[in-house]
Amino acid sequence: MRTHLTRRDFVRLGLLAGVGIDGTARALASPDDKTAPLTTKFIPSSGEKLPVIGLGTNAYGVSAPEELAARREVLKRMVELGASVVDTAPAYGESESVIGGFVAELGIRDRLFLATKVTASDGEKDPGKAMFEESLKRLRTERVDLLQVHSLRGVDVLMPVLKDWKSAKRIRYIGVTTSRGDQHPELLAVMGRHPIDLIQVNYSLGDRDAADRILPLAADRGMAVLVNLPFGGRRGRNLIQQAALKPLPAWTADLGIGSWGQFFLKYAVSHPAVTCAIPGTTKVSHLVDNLGAARGPLPEAKVRRRMEETWDQISS
């Protein structure tokens, strides 16, 4: 059952989630218990809960049998472990078709929160409409949970169309995305003029710019936040590569952190405005490790500052 949350409700629940309190089972769950429930956070516009770790699929447009088999196993195991958010896009090669095939084979559509994207690069809505129809065919579904305007391309011309599709129940939520810091001012403007359910933005321990204005505005306007690039990596080495030869600080054991990947993910999803992080994952071992960040306590503000100080020292 869904409820509509007030802004006060969202802030209260977001702060609770930020310190790892989202129901007794989650607060007590060990990150090593692969059967334990995953920590969830609310979508403010509906009250629906999402697990705080999902799956990015930029690398799912493959055709080699061994690569397809590996990705199919990731999707299968993800659902078995309780995660649900899968983010894709027409721009990711054959990713939508690959995912659609897996979802049909595994019979898991009703257990997924399926997100894809649309654009209107030339300012014309008809190509965007055709793109969405093709996405539905590729994904083998009659609707998607979240449709996002990819990199803000054509957001103003597409927004009325997305509203119509939402009213017709072809999509459940409206979103916009960016993964570039130079688009943050444009994203802020879009958030101010459109009724958006979820935004997707680049945010990580090594890229905190979104925390200055975007995340506070999302909280103020009751917008959920999906985090892309939680390990960085748009330019140069990602955070895990940078940390590879460094030992985890001993104090991270208090948070049940067993890897640098969990360190970075727990930091990202513990921000009160962040709903879910969607790291790209093509190996089951990485998936299982990532989902460990959705178990056990999340760092509160004081610990988050310590994480920032630790990383700044390591990366300087």
Protein backbone atom coordinates (compact mmCIF):
# COMPACT_ATOMS: atom_id res chain seq x y z
CA MET A 1 0.00 0.00 0.00
CA ARG A 2 1.34 3.43 -0.90
CA THR A 3 1.00 6.66 0.99
CA HIS A 4 1.78 10.23 -0.01
CA LEU A 5 4.45 11.70 2.24
CA THR A 6 4.65 15.30 3.30
CA ARG A 7 7.97 17.10 3.05
CA ARG A 8 8.31 16.80 6.84
CA ASP A 9 7.71 13.05 6.60
CA PHE A 10 10.35 12.74 3.88
CA VAL A 11 12.98 14.64 5.85
CA ARG A 12 12.28 12.59 8.98
CA LEU A 13 12.38 9.28 7.13
CA GLY A 14 15.40 10.33 5.08
CA LEU A 15 17.33 11.21 8.21
CA LEU A 16 16.42 7.91 9.81
CA ALA A 17 17.57 6.03 6.73
CA GLY A 18 20.75 8.08 6.76
CA VAL A 19 21.78 6.57 10.10
CA GLY A 20 20.74 3.08 9.13
CA ILE A 21 17.38 2.90 10.90
CA ASP A 22 14.80 1.54 8.49
CA GLY A 23 13.07 -1.10 10.55
CA THR A 24 14.54 -3.31 13.26
CA ALA A 25 15.43 -6.16 10.89
CA ARG A 26 17.56 -3.87 8.77
CA ALA A 27 19.22 -2.15 11.68
CA LEU A 28 20.33 -5.50 13.11
CA ALA A 29 21.14 -7.29 9.86
CA SER A 30 24.74 -8.30 9.25
CA PRO A 31 26.18 -7.30 5.86
CA ASP A 32 27.62 -10.82 5.65
CA ASP A 33 24.17 -12.42 5.88
CA LYS A 34 23.27 -12.86 2.21
CA THR A 35 19.66 -13.70 3.14
CA ALA A 36 19.08 -10.57 5.25
CA PRO A 37 16.69 -7.88 3.96
CA LEU A 38 18.26 -4.92 2.21
CA THR A 39 18.00 -1.41 3.58
CA THR A 40 15.36 0.57 1.71
CA LYS A 41 14.47 4.23 1.28
CA PHE A 42 11.26 5.99 0.23
CA ILE A 43 10.30 7.63 -3.04
CA PRO A 44 8.85 10.86 -1.60
CA SER A 45 6.09 11.28 -4.21
CA SER A 46 4.54 7.89 -3.41
CA GLY A 47 6.00 6.37 -0.26
CA GLU A 48 7.16 3.31 -2.23
CA LYS A 49 10.39 1.80 -0.91
CA LEU A 50 13.41 0.88 -3.02
CA PRO A 51 16.50 -1.09 -1.94
CA VAL A 52 19.39 1.36 -1.69
CA ILE A 53 21.60 -0.56 -4.14
CA GLY A 54 20.53 -1.33 -7.71
CA LEU A 55 22.13 -2.19 -11.04
CA GLY A 56 23.47 -0.04 -13.85
CA THR A 57 23.58 -1.77 -17.24
CA ASN A 58 25.73 0.37 -19.52
CA ALA A 59 27.85 -2.76 -20.21
CA TYR A 60 24.96 -5.10 -21.00
CA GLY A 61 24.85 -4.61 -24.77
CA VAL A 62 26.84 -7.79 -25.50
CA SER A 63 26.37 -10.80 -27.76
CA ALA A 64 29.09 -13.33 -26.85
CA PRO A 65 27.49 -16.37 -25.15
CA GLU A 66 29.83 -16.31 -22.15
CA GLU A 67 29.20 -12.61 -21.57
CA LEU A 68 25.44 -13.05 -21.89
CA ALA A 69 25.51 -15.95 -19.43
CA ALA A 70 27.44 -13.90 -16.88
CA ARG A 71 25.03 -10.97 -17.08
CA ARG A 72 21.99 -13.23 -16.91
CA GLU A 73 23.36 -14.70 -13.68
CA VAL A 74 23.87 -11.21 -12.24
CA LEU A 75 20.23 -10.28 -12.89
CA LYS A 76 18.99 -13.60 -11.53
CA ARG A 77 21.07 -13.36 -8.37
CA MET A 78 20.20 -9.71 -7.85
CA VAL A 79 16.50 -10.52 -7.58
CA GLU A 80 17.20 -13.54 -5.36
CA LEU A 81 19.06 -11.25 -2.94
CA GLY A 82 16.21 -8.74 -2.79
CA ALA A 83 17.39 -5.89 -5.02
CA SER A 84 15.10 -4.54 -7.72
CA VAL A 85 16.29 -1.34 -9.44
CA VAL A 86 17.62 -1.93 -12.97
CA ASP A 87 18.60 1.13 -15.00
CA THR A 88 19.15 0.99 -18.76
CA ALA A 89 18.84 3.18 -21.87
CA PRO A 90 18.52 3.02 -25.67
CA ALA A 91 21.98 4.58 -25.77
CA TYR A 92 23.51 1.48 -24.16
CA GLY A 93 23.69 -0.50 -27.40
CA GLU A 94 21.63 -3.70 -27.15
CA SER A 95 21.29 -3.44 -23.38
CA GLU A 96 17.49 -3.10 -23.42
CA SER A 97 17.09 -6.14 -25.67
CA VAL A 98 19.46 -8.22 -23.55
CA ILE A 99 17.70 -7.27 -20.33
CA GLY A 100 14.26 -7.80 -21.85
CA GLY A 101 15.26 -11.30 -22.90
CA PHE A 102 16.60 -12.15 -19.45
CA VAL A 103 13.54 -10.76 -17.70
CA ALA A 104 11.23 -12.82 -19.90
CA GLU A 105 13.28 -16.00 -19.46
CA LEU A 106 13.53 -15.63 -15.71
CA GLY A 107 9.94 -14.48 -15.21
CA ILE A 108 10.96 -11.65 -12.90
CA ARG A 109 9.28 -8.56 -14.36
CA ASP A 110 7.02 -8.09 -11.35
CA ARG A 111 10.05 -8.15 -9.03
CA LEU A 112 11.94 -5.37 -10.80
CA PHE A 113 11.86 -1.60 -10.67
CA LEU A 114 12.71 -1.12 -14.34
CA ALA A 115 14.05 2.24 -15.52
CA THR A 116 15.00 3.40 -18.99
CA LYS A 117 15.50 6.68 -20.80
CA VAL A 118 14.30 8.82 -23.70
CA THR A 119 15.63 11.85 -25.58
CA ALA A 120 14.47 14.53 -28.01
CA SER A 121 17.82 15.85 -29.15
CA ASP A 122 16.44 17.90 -32.04
CA GLY A 123 13.63 19.43 -30.00
CA GLU A 124 11.03 17.20 -31.66
CA LYS A 125 8.82 14.98 -29.51
CA ASP A 126 7.88 12.42 -32.18
CA PRO A 127 11.34 10.74 -32.31
CA GLY A 128 11.20 10.54 -28.52
CA LYS A 129 7.80 8.88 -28.70
CA ALA A 130 9.12 6.35 -31.20
CA MET A 131 12.15 5.72 -28.98
CA PHE A 132 9.93 4.86 -26.03
CA GLU A 133 7.78 2.49 -28.09
CA GLU A 134 10.93 0.70 -29.23
CA SER A 135 12.17 0.50 -25.64
CA LEU A 136 8.96 -1.24 -24.58
CA LYS A 137 9.41 -3.78 -27.37
CA ARG A 138 13.03 -4.40 -26.47
CA LEU A 139 12.26 -4.73 -22.77
CA ARG A 140 9.24 -6.96 -23.51
CA THR A 141 6.98 -5.03 -21.19
CA GLU A 142 3.87 -2.87 -21.46
CA ARG A 143 5.17 -0.22 -19.09
CA VAL A 144 8.29 0.87 -17.25
CA ASP A 145 8.52 1.97 -13.65
CA LEU A 146 10.66 5.01 -14.40
CA LEU A 147 11.20 6.89 -17.65
CA GLN A 148 13.98 9.47 -17.58
CA VAL A 149 14.99 12.21 -20.00
CA HIS A 150 18.57 11.15 -20.71
CA SER A 151 21.19 13.84 -20.05
CA LEU A 152 18.36 16.42 -20.09
CA ARG A 153 18.18 16.19 -23.90
CA GLY A 154 14.79 17.58 -24.92
CA VAL A 155 13.46 17.78 -21.38
CA ASP A 156 11.05 20.68 -21.98
CA VAL A 157 9.47 19.23 -25.12
CA LEU A 158 9.23 15.74 -23.61
CA MET A 159 7.85 16.62 -20.19
CA PRO A 160 4.21 17.00 -21.32
CA VAL A 161 4.51 13.68 -23.15
CA LEU A 162 5.86 11.94 -20.04
CA LYS A 163 3.00 13.38 -17.99
CA ASP A 164 0.51 11.93 -20.47
CA TRP A 165 2.21 8.52 -20.35
CA LYS A 166 2.13 8.63 -16.56
CA SER A 167 -1.60 9.42 -16.58
CA ALA A 168 -2.11 6.52 -18.99
CA LYS A 169 -0.11 4.25 -16.62
CA ARG A 170 2.51 3.48 -19.25
CA ILE A 171 5.12 4.80 -16.85
CA ARG A 172 4.93 5.08 -13.09
CA TYR A 173 7.47 7.80 -12.41
CA ILE A 174 9.01 10.70 -14.34
CA GLY A 175 12.73 11.38 -14.13
CA VAL A 176 15.69 13.23 -15.62
CA THR A 177 19.38 12.32 -15.65
CA THR A 178 22.85 13.71 -15.89
CA SER A 179 26.26 12.19 -15.22
CA ARG A 180 28.26 15.37 -15.86
CA GLY A 181 29.16 18.12 -13.47
CA ASP A 182 28.90 20.77 -16.17
CA GLN A 183 25.18 19.96 -16.50
CA HIS A 184 24.42 20.55 -12.83
CA PRO A 185 23.29 24.17 -13.30
CA GLU A 186 20.88 23.03 -16.03
CA LEU A 187 19.64 20.19 -13.82
CA LEU A 188 18.92 22.64 -11.01
CA ALA A 189 16.85 24.78 -13.38
CA VAL A 190 14.92 21.75 -14.65
CA MET A 191 14.21 20.62 -11.08
CA GLY A 192 12.80 24.05 -10.37
CA ARG A 193 10.34 24.15 -13.25
CA HIS A 194 9.10 20.57 -13.66
CA PRO A 195 7.24 18.12 -11.36
CA ILE A 196 9.82 15.31 -11.35
CA ASP A 197 9.59 12.15 -9.24
CA LEU A 198 13.23 11.05 -9.44
CA ILE A 199 16.46 12.61 -10.59
CA GLN A 200 19.61 10.70 -11.50
CA VAL A 201 22.94 12.40 -10.86
CA ASN A 202 26.66 11.66 -10.52
CA TYR A 203 27.69 11.60 -6.87
CA SER A 204 30.48 9.78 -5.06
CA LEU A 205 33.07 10.23 -2.35
CA GLY A 206 35.40 11.53 -5.04
CA ASP A 207 32.76 13.73 -6.72
CA ARG A 208 30.68 15.53 -4.10
CA ASP A 209 29.52 18.54 -6.09
CA ALA A 210 25.89 17.35 -6.17
CA ALA A 211 25.74 17.65 -2.38
CA ASP A 212 26.11 21.43 -2.54
CA ARG A 213 22.81 22.32 -4.21
CA ILE A 214 21.28 19.41 -6.13
CA LEU A 215 20.72 16.98 -3.27
CA PRO A 216 19.30 19.66 -0.93
CA LEU A 217 16.94 20.84 -3.67
CA ALA A 218 15.82 17.27 -4.33
CA ALA A 219 15.00 16.88 -0.63
CA ASP A 220 13.20 20.22 -0.55
CA ARG A 221 11.08 19.41 -3.62
CA GLY A 222 10.38 15.80 -2.63
CA MET A 223 12.34 14.15 -5.44
CA ALA A 224 13.99 10.77 -5.08
CA VAL A 225 17.63 10.50 -6.16
CA LEU A 226 19.37 7.74 -8.09
CA VAL A 227 23.16 7.98 -7.94
CA ASN A 228 25.17 7.05 -11.01
CA LEU A 229 28.97 6.71 -11.02
CA PRO A 230 29.11 5.97 -7.25
CA PHE A 231 32.65 4.70 -7.87
CA GLY A 232 33.55 7.70 -10.03
CA GLY A 233 35.41 6.84 -13.22
CA ARG A 234 34.09 9.25 -15.86
CA ARG A 235 37.66 10.47 -16.25
CA GLY A 236 40.68 8.48 -15.16
CA ARG A 237 40.73 5.62 -12.66
CA ASN A 238 37.66 4.92 -10.58
CA LEU A 239 37.75 5.07 -6.80
CA ILE A 240 38.21 1.33 -6.31
CA GLN A 241 41.24 1.33 -8.60
CA GLN A 242 42.71 4.27 -6.69
CA ALA A 243 42.19 2.51 -3.35
CA ALA A 244 43.31 -0.95 -4.49
CA LEU A 245 46.63 -0.98 -2.64
CA LYS A 246 45.37 0.79 0.49
CA PRO A 247 44.11 -1.11 3.56
CA LEU A 248 40.59 -0.40 4.77
CA PRO A 249 40.64 1.69 7.96
CA ALA A 250 40.02 -0.54 11.00
CA TRP A 251 37.11 1.60 12.21
CA THR A 252 35.04 0.71 9.13
CA ALA A 253 34.37 -2.70 10.69
CA ASP A 254 31.86 -0.97 12.99
CA LEU A 255 29.74 -0.35 9.87
CA GLY A 256 30.20 -3.91 8.62
CA ILE A 257 32.29 -2.63 5.70
CA GLY A 258 34.32 -5.42 4.16
CA SER A 259 35.61 -3.80 0.96
CA TRP A 260 36.39 -0.46 -0.59
CA GLY A 261 33.35 -0.92 -2.83
CA GLN A 262 31.11 -1.10 0.23
CA PHE A 263 32.91 1.91 1.72
CA PHE A 264 32.11 4.05 -1.32
CA LEU A 265 28.54 2.79 -1.70
CA LYS A 266 27.65 3.24 1.97
CA TYR A 267 28.91 6.80 1.75
CA ALA A 268 26.77 7.55 -1.31
CA VAL A 269 23.51 6.01 -0.10
CA SER A 270 23.81 7.35 3.45
CA HIS A 271 23.17 10.90 2.27
CA PRO A 272 19.61 11.62 3.47
CA ALA A 273 18.48 12.76 0.01
CA VAL A 274 19.85 9.74 -1.87
CA THR A 275 17.43 6.89 -2.56
CA CYS A 276 19.49 4.34 -4.47
CA ALA A 277 22.93 3.92 -6.07
CA ILE A 278 23.19 2.03 -9.36
CA PRO A 279 26.76 0.78 -9.86
CA GLY A 280 27.50 -0.97 -13.12
CA THR A 281 27.98 -4.67 -12.40
CA THR A 282 28.69 -7.61 -14.71
CA LYS A 283 30.01 -10.18 -12.21
CA VAL A 284 28.05 -11.97 -9.49
CA SER A 285 30.93 -11.58 -7.04
CA HIS A 286 30.83 -7.80 -7.49
CA LEU A 287 27.04 -7.78 -7.17
CA VAL A 288 27.15 -9.68 -3.89
CA ASP A 289 29.83 -7.34 -2.56
CA ASN A 290 27.86 -4.25 -3.63
CA LEU A 291 24.70 -5.48 -1.93
CA GLY A 292 26.66 -5.85 1.28
CA ALA A 293 26.53 -2.04 1.41
CA ALA A 294 22.74 -2.32 1.74
CA ARG A 295 23.03 -4.32 4.96
CA GLY A 296 24.12 -3.26 8.39
CA PRO A 297 24.11 0.37 9.61
CA LEU A 298 24.61 3.35 7.33
CA PRO A 299 27.03 6.06 8.47
CA GLU A 300 25.61 9.10 10.21
CA ALA A 301 26.84 12.64 9.57
CA LYS A 302 29.88 12.45 11.86
CA VAL A 303 31.07 9.20 10.29
CA ARG A 304 30.42 10.52 6.78
CA ARG A 305 32.78 13.41 7.53
CA ARG A 306 35.37 10.91 8.72
CA MET A 307 34.97 8.98 5.46
CA GLU A 308 35.54 12.19 3.51
CA GLU A 309 38.66 13.02 5.52
CA THR A 310 40.00 9.49 5.08
CA TRP A 311 39.50 9.55 1.32
CA ASP A 312 40.91 13.04 0.91
CA GLN A 313 44.10 11.91 2.63
CA ILE A 314 44.36 8.76 0.51
CA SER A 315 43.68 10.49 -2.81
CA SER A 316 45.78 13.61 -2.24
